[in-house]
Amino acid sequence: MEPTADEIELKRIRWRCRRGMRELDQLFDRYLAQCWATESEPARGVFLRLLDCEDDKLWRWSMGYEQCPDAELAALVERIRQLPA
């Protein structure tokens, strides 16, 4: 059975979420599992922008050591941090 376009896209995004840092990997996996399927296109775009950020910045923002200067990204980071494990 051929995978759907959505399944292919999710697999590609899941690969982009692999950062080599357990904390980030877990946060991004949690977001994909709990939120991605029901997100609007603009919200998905914000997540994809987040994935374009450097790992060290993502880690500092996600761990709460630094505030992200972009309001949309900051709101998403906080939302991801609050997701139940």
C-alpha atoms as a PDB file:
ATOM      1  CA  MET A   1       0.000   0.000   0.000  1.00  0.00           C
ATOM      2  CA  GLU A   2       1.387   3.378  -1.075  1.00  0.00           C
ATOM      3  CA  PRO A   3       1.893   5.961   1.693  1.00  0.00           C
ATOM      4  CA  THR A   4      -0.233   9.091   1.452  1.00  0.00           C
ATOM      5  CA  ALA A   5       1.249  12.540   0.891  1.00  0.00           C
ATOM      6  CA  ASP A   6       0.478  13.393   4.544  1.00  0.00           C
ATOM      7  CA  GLU A   7       2.309  10.282   5.755  1.00  0.00           C
ATOM      8  CA  ILE A   8       5.323  11.107   3.590  1.00  0.00           C
ATOM      9  CA  GLU A   9       5.352  14.701   4.848  1.00  0.00           C
ATOM     10  CA  LEU A  10       5.095  13.583   8.484  1.00  0.00           C
ATOM     11  CA  LYS A  11       7.966  11.152   8.005  1.00  0.00           C
ATOM     12  CA  ARG A  12      10.100  13.927   6.504  1.00  0.00           C
ATOM     13  CA  ILE A  13       9.233  16.278   9.377  1.00  0.00           C
ATOM     14  CA  ARG A  14       9.889  13.567  11.961  1.00  0.00           C
ATOM     15  CA  TRP A  15      13.372  13.190  10.447  1.00  0.00           C
ATOM     16  CA  ARG A  16      13.953  16.967  10.712  1.00  0.00           C
ATOM     17  CA  CYS A  17      12.948  16.785  14.389  1.00  0.00           C
ATOM     18  CA  ARG A  18      15.846  14.464  15.199  1.00  0.00           C
ATOM     19  CA  ARG A  19      18.367  16.786  16.791  1.00  0.00           C
ATOM     20  CA  GLY A  20      20.646  14.397  18.657  1.00  0.00           C
ATOM     21  CA  MET A  21      19.647  15.945  21.980  1.00  0.00           C
ATOM     22  CA  ARG A  22      17.327  13.710  23.930  1.00  0.00           C
ATOM     23  CA  GLU A  23      15.395  16.617  25.449  1.00  0.00           C
ATOM     24  CA  LEU A  24      14.679  18.253  22.094  1.00  0.00           C
ATOM     25  CA  ASP A  25      13.885  14.933  20.425  1.00  0.00           C
ATOM     26  CA  GLN A  26      11.342  14.143  23.143  1.00  0.00           C
ATOM     27  CA  LEU A  27       9.710  17.579  22.980  1.00  0.00           C
ATOM     28  CA  PHE A  28       9.398  17.525  19.199  1.00  0.00           C
ATOM     29  CA  ASP A  29       8.143  13.920  19.145  1.00  0.00           C
ATOM     30  CA  ARG A  30       5.538  14.850  21.745  1.00  0.00           C
ATOM     31  CA  TYR A  31       4.375  17.793  19.625  1.00  0.00           C
ATOM     32  CA  LEU A  32       4.126  15.664  16.497  1.00  0.00           C
ATOM     33  CA  ALA A  33       2.191  12.943  18.314  1.00  0.00           C
ATOM     34  CA  GLN A  34      -0.207  15.242  20.167  1.00  0.00           C
ATOM     35  CA  CYS A  35      -0.645  18.331  17.982  1.00  0.00           C
ATOM     36  CA  TRP A  36       0.548  18.059  14.383  1.00  0.00           C
ATOM     37  CA  ALA A  37      -2.499  16.261  12.946  1.00  0.00           C
ATOM     38  CA  THR A  38      -4.945  18.926  14.139  1.00  0.00           C
ATOM     39  CA  GLU A  39      -2.818  22.033  13.568  1.00  0.00           C
ATOM     40  CA  SER A  40      -3.778  24.702  11.037  1.00  0.00           C
ATOM     41  CA  GLU A  41      -1.465  25.385   8.106  1.00  0.00           C
ATOM     42  CA  PRO A  42      -0.206  28.644   9.675  1.00  0.00           C
ATOM     43  CA  ALA A  43       0.554  26.832  12.962  1.00  0.00           C
ATOM     44  CA  ARG A  44       2.377  24.106  11.056  1.00  0.00           C
ATOM     45  CA  GLY A  45       4.389  26.806   9.323  1.00  0.00           C
ATOM     46  CA  VAL A  46       5.483  28.219  12.684  1.00  0.00           C
ATOM     47  CA  PHE A  47       6.646  24.737  13.751  1.00  0.00           C
ATOM     48  CA  LEU A  48       8.605  24.332  10.522  1.00  0.00           C
ATOM     49  CA  ARG A  49      10.230  27.724  11.139  1.00  0.00           C
ATOM     50  CA  LEU A  50      11.163  26.506  14.611  1.00  0.00           C
ATOM     51  CA  LEU A  51      12.894  23.487  13.074  1.00  0.00           C
ATOM     52  CA  ASP A  52      15.045  25.852  11.004  1.00  0.00           C
ATOM     53  CA  CYS A  53      16.587  27.296  14.189  1.00  0.00           C
ATOM     54  CA  GLU A  54      19.972  26.240  15.506  1.00  0.00           C
ATOM     55  CA  ASP A  55      20.031  23.408  18.009  1.00  0.00           C
ATOM     56  CA  ASP A  56      21.775  25.382  20.749  1.00  0.00           C
ATOM     57  CA  LYS A  57      19.116  28.111  20.578  1.00  0.00           C
ATOM     58  CA  LEU A  58      16.310  25.556  20.529  1.00  0.00           C
ATOM     59  CA  TRP A  59      17.768  23.880  23.589  1.00  0.00           C
ATOM     60  CA  ARG A  60      18.152  27.153  25.552  1.00  0.00           C
ATOM     61  CA  TRP A  61      14.612  28.246  24.659  1.00  0.00           C
ATOM     62  CA  SER A  62      13.109  24.824  25.389  1.00  0.00           C
ATOM     63  CA  MET A  63      14.857  24.508  28.736  1.00  0.00           C
ATOM     64  CA  GLY A  64      13.786  28.029  29.718  1.00  0.00           C
ATOM     65  CA  TYR A  65      17.339  29.414  29.915  1.00  0.00           C
ATOM     66  CA  GLU A  66      16.661  32.065  27.298  1.00  0.00           C
ATOM     67  CA  GLN A  67      13.609  33.781  25.817  1.00  0.00           C
ATOM     68  CA  CYS A  68      13.116  33.397  22.078  1.00  0.00           C
ATOM     69  CA  PRO A  69      13.050  36.867  20.439  1.00  0.00           C
ATOM     70  CA  ASP A  70      10.347  35.830  17.919  1.00  0.00           C
ATOM     71  CA  ALA A  71       6.895  36.024  19.550  1.00  0.00           C
ATOM     72  CA  GLU A  72       5.323  33.263  17.422  1.00  0.00           C
ATOM     73  CA  LEU A  73       8.200  30.879  18.036  1.00  0.00           C
ATOM     74  CA  ALA A  74       8.300  31.760  21.741  1.00  0.00           C
ATOM     75  CA  ALA A  75       4.593  30.973  22.108  1.00  0.00           C
ATOM     76  CA  LEU A  76       5.033  27.638  20.340  1.00  0.00           C
ATOM     77  CA  VAL A  77       8.078  26.707  22.428  1.00  0.00           C
ATOM     78  CA  GLU A  78       6.095  27.409  25.591  1.00  0.00           C
ATOM     79  CA  ARG A  79       3.141  25.407  24.300  1.00  0.00           C
ATOM     80  CA  ILE A  80       5.412  22.451  23.489  1.00  0.00           C
ATOM     81  CA  ARG A  81       7.041  22.682  26.933  1.00  0.00           C
ATOM     82  CA  GLN A  82       3.584  22.418  28.543  1.00  0.00           C
ATOM     83  CA  LEU A  83       2.507  19.283  26.642  1.00  0.00           C
ATOM     84  CA  PRO A  84       1.990  16.259  28.897  1.00  0.00           C
ATOM     85  CA  ALA A  85       4.633  13.551  28.596  1.00  0.00           C
END
